[in-house]
């Protein structure tokens, strides 16, 4: 038996350590450890709940807006505020742009190099690559000359001994199965996606003032005013700008991203049966077209799937969510009993080995992540969970997309319970979101044309209107690119934040074992994964990257002894 350690896992956001035992060429057990502490909940205590989103948004600089969404919804839920339609539409447009950009970036810049051998692309015949590209897409950058130029750029990097952004790969690994010509195709589109994502995310600058960390959220709505006759707010010129960026998104997704995922997946059929995990899936739902609590108007569906049973989607009851700490570097004042986030505590207590260390103490605490559970069960969240729940609920556009993709591989829905299933679901979700983006923008235009310019409900903005005889509780849910994101807030009688807890997608997915010994989704999904070379565990990275880890959301900050590590001064 061989012990495999990947620390840090690269091409993710944040700090993640994976340990696994490999026997007979397969993973027999695995452990997921977040290696830094997150204390944002402590920073929020005692603050004005109306500013919570400003601080919460700083949990992550990759997802950028998702914590602002969840935070304003949590406070609005506590105060009983229903935001105007234009505010919902603008929030949805921001979220949709984030999802689409994020999913494309994930495939090309974080995950594709698990399947694509960059160095092998130097052996490709550019003419053959051009022929392949033209056979699967109408994308205009598909000439032999174009691929020759890309190959020359990669050759220059290789000759320099520095592959820059593409340096962290196990090039030449036997698990790479693409022909060199397809490798070259993917590398070219890797470079194209860098330019594309920079342009499309400008939607955030228009609607949010900047990116990352948009500045136009408000409890009760948005601060992005709407007026077709004003030069300084969201007017017809800015609507046209957003419309053009959505078209740019659609062109790249349909002509590049979707064909590439299908082409690459065709060479790895075994990976439709690897990486399933528990087959329990959870989604809060979101992207509301109407009232926050009217699930019939959710762009993303809400529900629970247990054990891969697509014949039954259970209703979600957020009060059944808990966080366990039996294997986490935390304590609870009342003992180790798992707590619902409204009662949640953030009491860090590091009990692990002193870094650097050879192995985790997996019999005790081994992660800075807590272990979220739904009704005592570990749950996977993310694009696969959302697409499966929508598919099982019979959402027509999703069924059409999923069935169409499965038909290309002569496969049935259970193949989606896999590493490739997560990758495919993310791609299909991107296509699904494009139509929603068009719909939200059209609704915003209709409101502007009819003179409905409402953007904020200020009736409960003043704390003097809030009760002083009771605490208020609020839950803000959002489906972030990586999955179900929940913020829970308690507002005290003094109108300050009494407690705040954020349970993020990568906590659901990357969390450790609980008090019952149940593995987290990363840990479960790695079991059975083939490993050809334990010194280069490429196959393990494929499965972990398929979740799109964001450990910055799940863990943060400091030296275990409390010592200052660095000081930054502005002069």
Protein backbone atom coordinates (compact mmCIF):
# COMPACT_ATOMS: atom_id res chain seq x y z
CA UNK A 1 0.00 0.00 0.00
CA UNK A 2 1.29 3.46 -0.95
CA UNK A 3 0.45 6.71 0.81
CA UNK A 4 -0.05 9.53 -1.73
CA UNK A 5 0.05 13.17 -0.63
CA UNK A 6 -0.91 16.11 -2.85
CA UNK A 7 -0.14 19.33 -0.99
CA UNK A 8 -0.95 21.84 -2.20
CA UNK A 9 -3.46 20.86 -4.86
CA UNK A 10 -2.75 23.36 -7.62
CA UNK A 11 -5.01 24.98 -10.22
CA UNK A 12 -7.59 25.75 -7.54
CA UNK A 13 -8.33 28.76 -5.35
CA UNK A 14 -7.01 28.36 -1.81
CA UNK A 15 -5.11 25.66 0.07
CA UNK A 16 -6.11 21.99 -0.12
CA UNK A 17 -4.25 18.83 0.89
CA UNK A 18 -5.33 15.39 -0.28
CA UNK A 19 -3.97 12.19 1.26
CA UNK A 20 -4.87 8.78 -0.12
CA UNK A 21 -3.93 5.15 0.26
CA UNK A 22 -3.34 3.40 -3.06
CA UNK A 23 -3.38 -0.38 -3.26
CA UNK A 24 -3.45 -2.52 -6.38
CA UNK A 25 -3.39 0.55 -8.60
CA UNK A 26 -6.52 2.11 -7.06
CA UNK A 27 -7.38 4.52 -4.25
CA UNK A 28 -8.73 2.58 -1.27
CA UNK A 29 -9.29 5.55 1.08
CA UNK A 30 -8.81 9.30 0.92
CA UNK A 31 -8.72 12.33 3.22
CA UNK A 32 -9.45 15.95 2.32
CA UNK A 33 -7.88 18.68 4.42
CA UNK A 34 -8.35 22.43 4.18
CA UNK A 35 -5.09 23.77 5.53
CA UNK A 36 -5.92 27.35 6.53
CA UNK A 37 -8.48 28.88 8.90
CA UNK A 38 -11.44 31.06 7.88
CA UNK A 39 -12.60 33.59 10.44
CA UNK A 40 -14.93 35.85 8.46
CA UNK A 41 -17.85 34.93 10.70
CA UNK A 42 -15.99 36.39 13.67
CA UNK A 43 -15.24 39.59 11.76
CA UNK A 44 -18.96 40.05 11.05
CA UNK A 45 -20.17 39.75 14.63
CA UNK A 46 -21.31 43.04 16.12
CA UNK A 47 -21.55 44.84 12.78
CA UNK A 48 -24.52 46.53 11.14
CA UNK A 49 -26.32 43.77 9.17
CA UNK A 50 -26.86 46.17 6.27
CA UNK A 51 -23.10 46.19 5.63
CA UNK A 52 -22.61 42.44 6.06
CA UNK A 53 -22.47 41.85 2.30
CA UNK A 54 -19.47 44.17 1.95
CA UNK A 55 -17.42 42.06 4.33
CA UNK A 56 -18.85 38.70 3.30
CA UNK A 57 -18.00 39.36 -0.35
CA UNK A 58 -14.33 39.39 0.66
CA UNK A 59 -14.54 35.70 1.54
CA UNK A 60 -13.43 35.02 -2.03
CA UNK A 61 -11.95 36.93 -4.95
CA UNK A 62 -12.78 34.28 -7.55
CA UNK A 63 -16.54 33.88 -7.15
CA UNK A 64 -16.53 37.65 -6.41
CA UNK A 65 -20.25 38.35 -6.10
CA UNK A 66 -21.77 35.17 -4.73
CA UNK A 67 -21.30 36.01 -1.06
CA UNK A 68 -22.82 39.45 -1.60
CA UNK A 69 -25.88 37.76 -3.10
CA UNK A 70 -26.29 35.32 -0.23
CA UNK A 71 -25.62 37.98 2.39
CA UNK A 72 -28.17 40.54 1.21
CA UNK A 73 -30.76 37.77 0.82
CA UNK A 74 -30.07 36.61 4.39
CA UNK A 75 -30.62 40.07 5.86
CA UNK A 76 -33.66 40.70 3.63
CA UNK A 77 -35.09 37.38 4.77
CA UNK A 78 -34.62 38.38 8.41
CA UNK A 79 -36.27 41.77 7.87
CA UNK A 80 -39.06 40.52 5.60
CA UNK A 81 -38.01 42.59 2.58
CA UNK A 82 -39.09 41.71 -0.97
CA UNK A 83 -36.89 43.54 -3.47
CA UNK A 84 -38.25 45.23 -6.65
CA UNK A 85 -38.20 43.24 -9.91
CA UNK A 86 -35.41 45.32 -11.46
CA UNK A 87 -33.11 44.57 -8.53
CA UNK A 88 -33.76 40.83 -8.92
CA UNK A 89 -33.09 41.01 -12.65
CA UNK A 90 -29.82 42.89 -12.20
CA UNK A 91 -28.69 40.46 -9.51
CA UNK A 92 -29.53 37.57 -11.86
CA UNK A 93 -27.62 39.14 -14.76
CA UNK A 94 -24.60 39.58 -12.51
CA UNK A 95 -24.88 35.99 -11.27
CA UNK A 96 -25.41 34.56 -14.76
CA UNK A 97 -22.37 36.37 -16.13
CA UNK A 98 -20.35 35.06 -13.19
CA UNK A 99 -21.46 31.46 -13.79
CA UNK A 100 -20.77 31.49 -17.52
CA UNK A 101 -17.36 33.12 -17.23
CA UNK A 102 -16.42 30.95 -14.26
CA UNK A 103 -17.43 27.67 -15.91
CA UNK A 104 -15.44 28.42 -19.07
CA UNK A 105 -12.40 29.48 -17.04
CA UNK A 106 -12.68 26.32 -14.96
CA UNK A 107 -12.64 24.02 -17.95
CA UNK A 108 -9.78 25.62 -19.85
CA UNK A 109 -7.55 27.03 -17.15
CA UNK A 110 -8.13 24.77 -14.15
CA UNK A 111 -9.37 21.40 -15.39
CA UNK A 112 -8.55 20.82 -19.08
CA UNK A 113 -4.87 20.20 -18.39
CA UNK A 114 -5.89 17.07 -16.49
CA UNK A 115 -6.94 15.68 -19.89
CA UNK A 116 -4.74 17.66 -22.30
CA UNK A 117 -0.97 17.12 -22.64
CA UNK A 118 0.44 20.56 -23.46
CA UNK A 119 3.88 19.29 -24.44
CA UNK A 120 2.39 16.62 -26.74
CA UNK A 121 0.73 19.41 -28.71
CA UNK A 122 4.20 20.23 -30.09
CA UNK A 123 4.05 16.95 -32.04
CA UNK A 124 0.74 17.83 -33.72
CA UNK A 125 0.20 18.42 -37.41
CA UNK A 126 -1.51 21.86 -37.53
CA UNK A 127 -3.26 20.93 -40.78
CA UNK A 128 -4.89 17.94 -39.12
CA UNK A 129 -5.84 20.06 -36.11
CA UNK A 130 -7.49 22.57 -38.44
CA UNK A 131 -9.42 19.75 -40.11
CA UNK A 132 -10.67 18.46 -36.75
CA UNK A 133 -11.63 21.95 -35.59
CA UNK A 134 -13.58 22.70 -38.77
CA UNK A 135 -15.40 19.37 -38.52
CA UNK A 136 -16.83 20.09 -35.05
CA UNK A 137 -17.43 23.85 -35.08
CA UNK A 138 -17.85 27.00 -37.17
CA UNK A 139 -15.43 28.92 -34.91
CA UNK A 140 -13.52 31.38 -37.09
CA UNK A 141 -10.09 30.67 -35.56
CA UNK A 142 -9.68 27.24 -37.11
CA UNK A 143 -7.14 27.67 -39.90
CA UNK A 144 -3.89 25.76 -40.30
CA UNK A 145 -2.01 29.05 -40.00
CA UNK A 146 -3.68 29.85 -36.70
CA UNK A 147 -2.72 26.50 -35.15
CA UNK A 148 0.84 26.80 -36.50
CA UNK A 149 1.15 30.14 -34.72
CA UNK A 150 -0.17 28.70 -31.46
CA UNK A 151 2.21 25.76 -31.71
CA UNK A 152 5.11 28.16 -32.26
CA UNK A 153 4.13 30.12 -29.14
CA UNK A 154 4.07 26.94 -27.05
CA UNK A 155 7.39 25.81 -28.56
CA UNK A 156 8.96 29.12 -27.56
CA UNK A 157 7.76 28.64 -23.98
CA UNK A 158 9.01 25.04 -23.91
CA UNK A 159 12.41 26.04 -25.29
CA UNK A 160 12.73 28.65 -22.55
CA UNK A 161 12.19 25.99 -19.90
CA UNK A 162 9.25 27.93 -18.50
CA UNK A 163 5.73 26.89 -19.51
CA UNK A 164 4.31 29.73 -17.43
CA UNK A 165 0.62 29.12 -16.58
CA UNK A 166 0.82 25.62 -18.04
CA UNK A 167 3.84 24.47 -16.01
CA UNK A 168 2.12 22.34 -13.36
CA UNK A 169 1.30 19.25 -15.38
CA UNK A 170 2.47 15.64 -15.48
CA UNK A 171 3.30 15.86 -19.20
CA UNK A 172 3.89 12.50 -20.83
CA UNK A 173 1.78 10.66 -18.23
CA UNK A 174 0.28 7.41 -19.63
CA UNK A 175 -3.21 8.52 -18.60
CA UNK A 176 -3.14 11.24 -21.29
CA UNK A 177 -5.03 9.73 -24.24
CA UNK A 178 -5.70 12.59 -26.68
CA UNK A 179 -4.06 12.63 -30.11
CA UNK A 180 -1.52 15.49 -30.33
CA UNK A 181 -3.80 17.31 -32.77
CA UNK A 182 -6.62 17.49 -30.20
CA UNK A 183 -4.07 18.56 -27.58
CA UNK A 184 -3.11 21.46 -29.85
CA UNK A 185 -6.77 22.35 -30.40
CA UNK A 186 -7.38 22.57 -26.66
CA UNK A 187 -4.21 24.56 -25.98
CA UNK A 188 -5.22 27.10 -28.63
CA UNK A 189 -8.63 27.52 -27.05
CA UNK A 190 -7.01 27.77 -23.60
CA UNK A 191 -5.29 30.92 -24.89
CA UNK A 192 -8.43 32.24 -26.60
CA UNK A 193 -10.43 31.84 -23.40
CA UNK A 194 -8.05 34.19 -21.58
CA UNK A 195 -9.01 37.04 -23.91
CA UNK A 196 -12.71 36.09 -24.00
CA UNK A 197 -13.23 36.03 -20.24
CA UNK A 198 -11.68 39.47 -19.83
CA UNK A 199 -14.22 40.96 -22.23
CA UNK A 200 -17.42 39.24 -21.12
CA UNK A 201 -16.98 39.95 -17.43
CA UNK A 202 -17.18 43.67 -18.19
CA UNK A 203 -20.90 43.14 -17.57
CA UNK A 204 -19.91 43.29 -13.89
CA UNK A 205 -18.29 46.68 -14.37
CA UNK A 206 -21.50 48.06 -15.89
CA UNK A 207 -23.88 46.58 -13.31
CA UNK A 208 -21.60 46.50 -10.29
CA UNK A 209 -19.07 49.29 -10.69
CA UNK A 210 -16.07 46.96 -10.85
CA UNK A 211 -14.86 43.38 -10.74
CA UNK A 212 -14.03 41.67 -8.44
CA UNK A 213 -16.08 42.69 -5.41
CA UNK A 214 -18.97 44.59 -6.99
CA UNK A 215 -20.17 47.67 -5.14
CA UNK A 216 -23.83 48.15 -6.05
CA UNK A 217 -25.59 45.75 -3.67
CA UNK A 218 -27.98 47.10 -1.08
CA UNK A 219 -30.21 45.38 1.44
CA UNK A 220 -33.59 45.98 -0.19
CA UNK A 221 -32.37 46.05 -3.78
CA UNK A 222 -29.48 47.51 -5.73
CA UNK A 223 -27.70 50.86 -6.02
CA UNK A 224 -27.38 50.48 -9.80
CA UNK A 225 -30.04 52.98 -10.87
CA UNK A 226 -32.11 52.35 -14.01
CA UNK A 227 -33.13 55.27 -16.24
CA UNK A 228 -33.19 55.23 -20.05
CA UNK A 229 -32.86 59.02 -20.13
CA UNK A 230 -29.83 59.40 -17.87
CA UNK A 231 -26.22 59.23 -19.15
CA UNK A 232 -24.81 58.07 -15.81
CA UNK A 233 -26.85 54.96 -14.94
CA UNK A 234 -28.17 51.81 -16.64
CA UNK A 235 -29.55 53.28 -19.86
CA UNK A 236 -30.05 52.10 -23.43
CA UNK A 237 -26.34 52.38 -24.26
CA UNK A 238 -25.43 50.14 -21.35
CA UNK A 239 -28.23 47.70 -22.21
CA UNK A 240 -26.74 47.45 -25.69
CA UNK A 241 -23.29 46.83 -24.22
CA UNK A 242 -24.62 44.00 -22.04
CA UNK A 243 -26.51 42.51 -24.99
CA UNK A 244 -23.33 42.40 -27.06
CA UNK A 245 -21.42 40.70 -24.25
CA UNK A 246 -24.14 38.04 -23.92
CA UNK A 247 -23.83 37.38 -27.67
CA UNK A 248 -20.07 37.08 -27.21
CA UNK A 249 -20.64 34.58 -24.42
CA UNK A 250 -23.00 32.52 -26.53
CA UNK A 251 -20.68 32.40 -29.53
CA UNK A 252 -17.74 31.10 -27.52
CA UNK A 253 -19.77 28.63 -25.47
CA UNK A 254 -21.54 27.15 -28.51
CA UNK A 255 -18.63 27.24 -30.95
CA UNK A 256 -15.69 26.44 -28.65
CA UNK A 257 -16.45 25.31 -25.08
CA UNK A 258 -19.26 22.84 -25.84
CA UNK A 259 -17.55 21.17 -28.86
CA UNK A 260 -14.25 20.91 -26.94
CA UNK A 261 -15.80 19.22 -23.90
CA UNK A 262 -17.59 16.71 -26.14
CA UNK A 263 -14.44 16.09 -28.20
CA UNK A 264 -12.19 15.57 -25.18
CA UNK A 265 -14.72 13.37 -23.35
CA UNK A 266 -14.89 11.06 -26.36
CA UNK A 267 -11.34 9.89 -25.72
CA UNK A 268 -11.94 9.07 -22.04
CA UNK A 269 -15.01 6.77 -21.92
CA UNK A 270 -13.86 5.02 -18.73
CA UNK A 271 -14.24 8.27 -16.80
CA UNK A 272 -18.04 8.10 -17.05
CA UNK A 273 -17.79 5.35 -14.41
CA UNK A 274 -15.13 6.84 -12.12
CA UNK A 275 -15.54 9.37 -9.29
CA UNK A 276 -19.20 8.97 -8.35
CA UNK A 277 -18.96 9.28 -4.56
CA UNK A 278 -22.08 9.08 -2.39
CA UNK A 279 -24.54 10.01 -5.19
CA UNK A 280 -26.36 12.34 -2.76
CA UNK A 281 -27.07 15.75 -4.29
CA UNK A 282 -28.36 19.02 -2.86
CA UNK A 283 -29.38 22.36 -4.39
CA UNK A 284 -30.97 25.36 -2.68
CA UNK A 285 -32.32 26.73 -5.94
CA UNK A 286 -32.09 30.34 -6.95
CA UNK A 287 -31.95 32.96 -9.71
CA UNK A 288 -35.48 34.05 -8.90
CA UNK A 289 -37.65 35.63 -11.59
CA UNK A 290 -40.28 36.49 -9.00
CA UNK A 291 -40.88 36.32 -5.28
CA UNK A 292 -37.86 34.98 -3.38
CA UNK A 293 -39.89 32.09 -1.96
CA UNK A 294 -41.79 31.12 -5.12
CA UNK A 295 -39.87 28.07 -6.34
CA UNK A 296 -41.88 27.93 -9.57
CA UNK A 297 -39.98 31.04 -10.65
CA UNK A 298 -36.48 29.78 -9.82
CA UNK A 299 -33.96 29.54 -12.65
CA UNK A 300 -32.22 26.83 -10.61
CA UNK A 301 -34.41 24.19 -8.97
CA UNK A 302 -34.37 23.27 -5.27
CA UNK A 303 -34.23 19.71 -4.01
CA UNK A 304 -32.44 16.63 -2.68
CA UNK A 305 -31.47 13.41 -4.48
CA UNK A 306 -30.38 10.48 -2.30
CA UNK A 307 -28.39 7.50 -3.51
CA UNK A 308 -28.63 8.47 -7.17
CA UNK A 309 -32.40 7.91 -7.31
CA UNK A 310 -33.50 10.16 -10.18
CA UNK A 311 -37.06 8.97 -9.77
CA UNK A 312 -37.54 10.98 -6.59
CA UNK A 313 -36.55 14.54 -5.71
CA UNK A 314 -37.07 15.30 -2.03
CA UNK A 315 -38.11 18.71 -0.74
CA UNK A 316 -35.33 20.63 0.99
CA UNK A 317 -35.77 21.82 4.57
CA UNK A 318 -32.89 24.09 5.49
CA UNK A 319 -33.42 23.44 9.21
CA UNK A 320 -32.02 19.92 8.63
CA UNK A 321 -28.60 21.34 7.73
CA UNK A 322 -25.87 20.93 10.35
CA UNK A 323 -22.10 21.23 10.57
CA UNK A 324 -20.10 18.53 12.39
CA UNK A 325 -16.62 19.08 13.82
CA UNK A 326 -15.45 15.65 14.97
CA UNK A 327 -12.55 15.80 12.48
CA UNK A 328 -12.25 19.58 12.21
CA UNK A 329 -10.02 22.06 14.01
CA UNK A 330 -12.93 23.64 15.93
CA UNK A 331 -14.70 23.33 19.25
CA UNK A 332 -18.33 23.96 20.18
CA UNK A 333 -19.16 25.33 23.60
CA UNK A 334 -21.80 22.66 24.16
CA UNK A 335 -19.62 19.74 23.07
CA UNK A 336 -19.16 18.10 19.67
CA UNK A 337 -22.84 17.77 18.67
CA UNK A 338 -23.41 19.02 15.13
CA UNK A 339 -25.09 22.44 14.98
CA UNK A 340 -27.44 24.19 12.60
CA UNK A 341 -25.81 27.38 11.26
CA UNK A 342 -28.14 29.69 13.23
CA UNK A 343 -26.63 28.11 16.35
CA UNK A 344 -23.23 27.66 14.70
CA UNK A 345 -19.97 28.63 16.34
CA UNK A 346 -16.56 29.53 14.96
CA UNK A 347 -14.14 28.55 17.74
CA UNK A 348 -10.83 27.58 16.12
CA UNK A 349 -8.58 25.11 17.91
CA UNK A 350 -5.68 23.68 15.94
CA UNK A 351 -4.70 20.21 17.16
CA UNK A 352 -2.79 18.96 14.16
CA UNK A 353 0.89 18.46 13.47
CA UNK A 354 3.32 21.35 13.04
CA UNK A 355 3.86 22.15 9.35
CA UNK A 356 5.60 20.85 7.37
CA UNK A 357 4.40 17.33 8.18
CA UNK A 358 4.42 13.95 6.48
CA UNK A 359 0.89 12.81 7.33
CA UNK A 360 -2.40 14.01 8.76
CA UNK A 361 -3.66 12.67 12.06
CA UNK A 362 -6.74 11.20 10.44
CA UNK A 363 -7.88 9.44 13.62
CA UNK A 364 -8.62 12.84 15.11
CA UNK A 365 -8.96 16.37 13.68
CA UNK A 366 -7.37 16.89 10.27
CA UNK A 367 -9.08 19.82 8.48
CA UNK A 368 -10.01 23.47 8.89
CA UNK A 369 -13.26 22.65 7.10
CA UNK A 370 -16.30 21.59 9.04
CA UNK A 371 -18.42 18.67 7.80
CA UNK A 372 -21.84 19.88 6.58
CA UNK A 373 -24.63 17.31 6.57
CA UNK A 374 -28.26 17.29 5.47
CA UNK A 375 -30.41 15.19 7.77
CA UNK A 376 -27.18 13.47 8.79
CA UNK A 377 -26.10 12.71 5.21
CA UNK A 378 -23.10 14.02 3.24
CA UNK A 379 -24.27 15.83 0.12
CA UNK A 380 -22.56 16.85 -3.12
CA UNK A 381 -23.36 20.33 -4.42
CA UNK A 382 -22.53 22.05 -7.69
CA UNK A 383 -23.51 22.05 -11.37
CA UNK A 384 -24.01 18.28 -11.42
CA UNK A 385 -26.40 18.48 -8.46
CA UNK A 386 -28.34 21.31 -10.12
CA UNK A 387 -28.60 19.61 -13.51
CA UNK A 388 -29.61 16.26 -12.00
CA UNK A 389 -32.30 17.83 -9.82
CA UNK A 390 -33.68 19.87 -12.74
CA UNK A 391 -33.55 16.79 -14.98
CA UNK A 392 -35.33 14.64 -12.41
CA UNK A 393 -37.96 17.36 -11.96
CA UNK A 394 -38.63 17.40 -15.69
CA UNK A 395 -37.43 20.94 -16.46
CA UNK A 396 -37.82 20.91 -20.24
CA UNK A 397 -34.71 22.88 -21.35
CA UNK A 398 -32.48 20.85 -19.04
CA UNK A 399 -33.97 17.53 -20.18
CA UNK A 400 -33.36 18.51 -23.80
CA UNK A 401 -29.75 19.46 -23.12
CA UNK A 402 -28.95 16.41 -21.01
CA UNK A 403 -30.66 13.91 -23.33
CA UNK A 404 -28.92 15.48 -26.33
CA UNK A 405 -25.51 15.20 -24.70
CA UNK A 406 -26.14 11.61 -23.57
CA UNK A 407 -27.21 10.66 -27.09
CA UNK A 408 -23.80 11.71 -28.44
CA UNK A 409 -22.23 9.01 -26.25
CA UNK A 410 -25.08 6.46 -26.48
CA UNK A 411 -25.32 6.70 -22.69
CA UNK A 412 -27.98 6.80 -19.98
CA UNK A 413 -28.34 9.37 -17.13
CA UNK A 414 -26.47 7.28 -14.50
CA UNK A 415 -23.18 7.96 -16.32
CA UNK A 416 -23.46 11.51 -14.99
CA UNK A 417 -22.58 10.17 -11.52
CA UNK A 418 -18.90 10.50 -12.36
CA UNK A 419 -15.88 12.73 -12.83
CA UNK A 420 -16.78 13.39 -16.47
CA UNK A 421 -20.40 13.85 -15.43
CA UNK A 422 -19.43 16.89 -13.35
CA UNK A 423 -17.46 18.33 -16.26
CA UNK A 424 -20.32 17.74 -18.70
CA UNK A 425 -22.94 19.13 -16.30
CA UNK A 426 -20.97 22.35 -15.91
CA UNK A 427 -20.86 22.76 -19.68
CA UNK A 428 -24.60 22.02 -20.08
CA UNK A 429 -25.47 24.46 -17.31
CA UNK A 430 -23.57 27.18 -19.16
CA UNK A 431 -25.69 26.62 -22.27
CA UNK A 432 -28.86 26.65 -20.15
CA UNK A 433 -27.88 29.95 -18.53
CA UNK A 434 -27.43 31.75 -21.84
CA UNK A 435 -31.17 31.63 -22.54
CA UNK A 436 -31.89 32.85 -19.01
CA UNK A 437 -29.52 35.78 -19.55
CA UNK A 438 -31.47 36.78 -22.66
CA UNK A 439 -34.75 36.49 -20.75
CA UNK A 440 -33.58 38.61 -17.80
CA UNK A 441 -32.24 41.35 -20.05
CA UNK A 442 -35.48 41.36 -22.07
CA UNK A 443 -37.53 41.73 -18.88
CA UNK A 444 -35.35 44.61 -17.73
CA UNK A 445 -35.81 46.32 -21.10
CA UNK A 446 -39.59 45.87 -20.88
CA UNK A 447 -39.67 47.45 -17.43
CA UNK A 448 -37.63 50.40 -18.65
CA UNK A 449 -39.93 50.85 -21.64
CA UNK A 450 -43.03 50.87 -19.42
CA UNK A 451 -41.50 53.29 -16.92
CA UNK A 452 -40.98 50.82 -14.06
CA UNK A 453 -37.59 52.02 -12.80
CA UNK A 454 -37.86 50.78 -9.19
CA UNK A 455 -34.56 49.43 -7.90
CA UNK A 456 -34.75 49.54 -4.08
CA UNK A 457 -37.30 49.04 -1.31
CA UNK A 458 -36.29 51.34 1.52
CA UNK A 459 -39.31 50.84 3.79
CA UNK A 460 -37.30 48.78 6.29
CA UNK A 461 -33.91 50.37 5.73
CA UNK A 462 -34.05 52.39 8.94
CA UNK A 463 -33.22 50.20 12.01
CA UNK A 464 -35.71 52.23 14.03
CA UNK A 465 -38.41 50.26 12.18
CA UNK A 466 -36.94 46.92 13.32
CA UNK A 467 -38.27 45.13 16.44
CA UNK A 468 -36.37 45.62 19.69
CA UNK A 469 -38.02 42.82 21.68
CA UNK A 470 -36.73 39.83 19.73
CA UNK A 471 -33.81 38.51 17.69
CA UNK A 472 -34.31 38.18 13.94
CA UNK A 473 -33.12 35.18 11.93
CA UNK A 474 -32.46 35.13 8.21
CA UNK A 475 -31.28 32.60 5.65
CA UNK A 476 -29.81 33.73 2.34
CA UNK A 477 -29.41 31.05 -0.31
CA UNK A 478 -27.65 31.28 -3.63
CA UNK A 479 -26.47 28.77 -6.20
CA UNK A 480 -22.87 29.82 -6.78
CA UNK A 481 -20.88 28.38 -9.71
CA UNK A 482 -19.47 25.74 -7.36
CA UNK A 483 -22.79 24.90 -5.71
CA UNK A 484 -25.19 25.60 -2.86
CA UNK A 485 -24.10 28.63 -0.83
CA UNK A 486 -25.92 29.55 2.38
CA UNK A 487 -25.51 32.51 4.72
CA UNK A 488 -27.31 32.49 8.06
CA UNK A 489 -27.62 35.65 10.16
CA UNK A 490 -28.99 36.45 13.60
CA UNK A 491 -29.74 40.12 14.26
CA UNK A 492 -29.81 40.99 17.95
CA UNK A 493 -32.22 43.27 19.78
CA UNK A 494 -29.55 45.97 19.51
CA UNK A 495 -29.82 45.67 15.69
CA UNK A 496 -26.26 44.34 15.39
CA UNK A 497 -25.16 40.96 14.04
CA UNK A 498 -25.33 38.50 16.94
CA UNK A 499 -24.22 35.50 14.89
CA UNK A 500 -23.25 34.87 11.29
CA UNK A 501 -22.39 31.60 9.58
CA UNK A 502 -21.56 30.88 5.94
CA UNK A 503 -21.65 27.30 4.65
CA UNK A 504 -20.03 27.37 1.24
CA UNK A 505 -20.01 24.86 -1.63
CA UNK A 506 -16.45 23.71 -1.06
CA UNK A 507 -17.25 23.07 2.61
CA UNK A 508 -20.05 20.73 1.51
CA UNK A 509 -17.79 18.98 -1.01
CA UNK A 510 -14.34 19.13 0.58
CA UNK A 511 -15.35 18.60 4.22
CA UNK A 512 -13.81 15.78 6.27
CA UNK A 513 -15.37 12.76 7.93
CA UNK A 514 -18.07 13.37 10.55
CA UNK A 515 -18.62 11.82 13.98
CA UNK A 516 -20.12 8.72 12.31
CA UNK A 517 -17.05 8.25 10.13
CA UNK A 518 -18.96 9.22 6.97
CA UNK A 519 -16.60 10.55 4.33
CA UNK A 520 -17.03 13.89 2.62
CA UNK A 521 -17.80 14.03 -1.14
CA UNK A 522 -14.17 14.55 -2.24
CA UNK A 523 -13.09 11.66 -0.07
CA UNK A 524 -15.83 9.33 -1.30
CA UNK A 525 -15.37 10.25 -4.96
CA UNK A 526 -11.67 9.34 -4.89
CA UNK A 527 -12.28 5.79 -3.70
CA UNK A 528 -11.71 3.37 -6.56
CA UNK A 529 -9.88 5.91 -8.72
CA UNK A 530 -7.15 4.24 -10.80
CA UNK A 531 -3.61 5.54 -10.19
CA UNK A 532 -1.04 4.43 -12.75
CA UNK A 533 1.88 6.21 -11.06
CA UNK A 534 1.55 7.16 -7.37
CA UNK A 535 4.39 9.68 -7.77
CA UNK A 536 2.29 11.51 -10.40
CA UNK A 537 -1.33 11.12 -9.28
CA UNK A 538 -2.90 12.77 -12.34
CA UNK A 539 -6.06 10.68 -12.07
CA UNK A 540 -6.75 11.89 -8.54
CA UNK A 541 -6.43 15.50 -9.69
CA UNK A 542 -8.98 14.87 -12.44
CA UNK A 543 -11.65 13.97 -9.91
CA UNK A 544 -10.78 16.72 -7.41
CA UNK A 545 -10.66 19.37 -10.15
CA UNK A 546 -14.02 18.19 -11.49
CA UNK A 547 -15.59 19.77 -8.37
CA UNK A 548 -13.81 23.10 -9.08
CA UNK A 549 -12.49 23.55 -5.51
CA UNK A 550 -12.54 27.01 -3.96
CA UNK A 551 -10.84 26.62 -0.61
CA UNK A 552 -10.49 30.38 -0.18
CA UNK A 553 -14.25 30.41 0.40
CA UNK A 554 -14.05 27.54 2.84
CA UNK A 555 -10.90 28.43 4.79
CA UNK A 556 -8.69 31.48 5.33
CA UNK A 557 -5.89 33.27 7.12
CA UNK A 558 -3.23 32.68 9.67
CA UNK A 559 -0.17 31.32 11.36
CA UNK A 560 -1.29 28.62 13.82
CA UNK A 561 0.60 30.36 16.63
CA UNK A 562 -0.95 33.73 15.87
CA UNK A 563 2.33 35.27 14.71
CA UNK A 564 2.29 37.99 12.09
CA UNK A 565 3.49 36.53 8.79
CA UNK A 566 3.56 39.63 6.60
CA UNK A 567 2.72 43.31 6.81
CA UNK A 568 1.61 45.43 3.86
CA UNK A 569 1.92 49.19 4.08
CA UNK A 570 0.38 51.77 1.76
CA UNK A 571 2.64 54.80 1.33
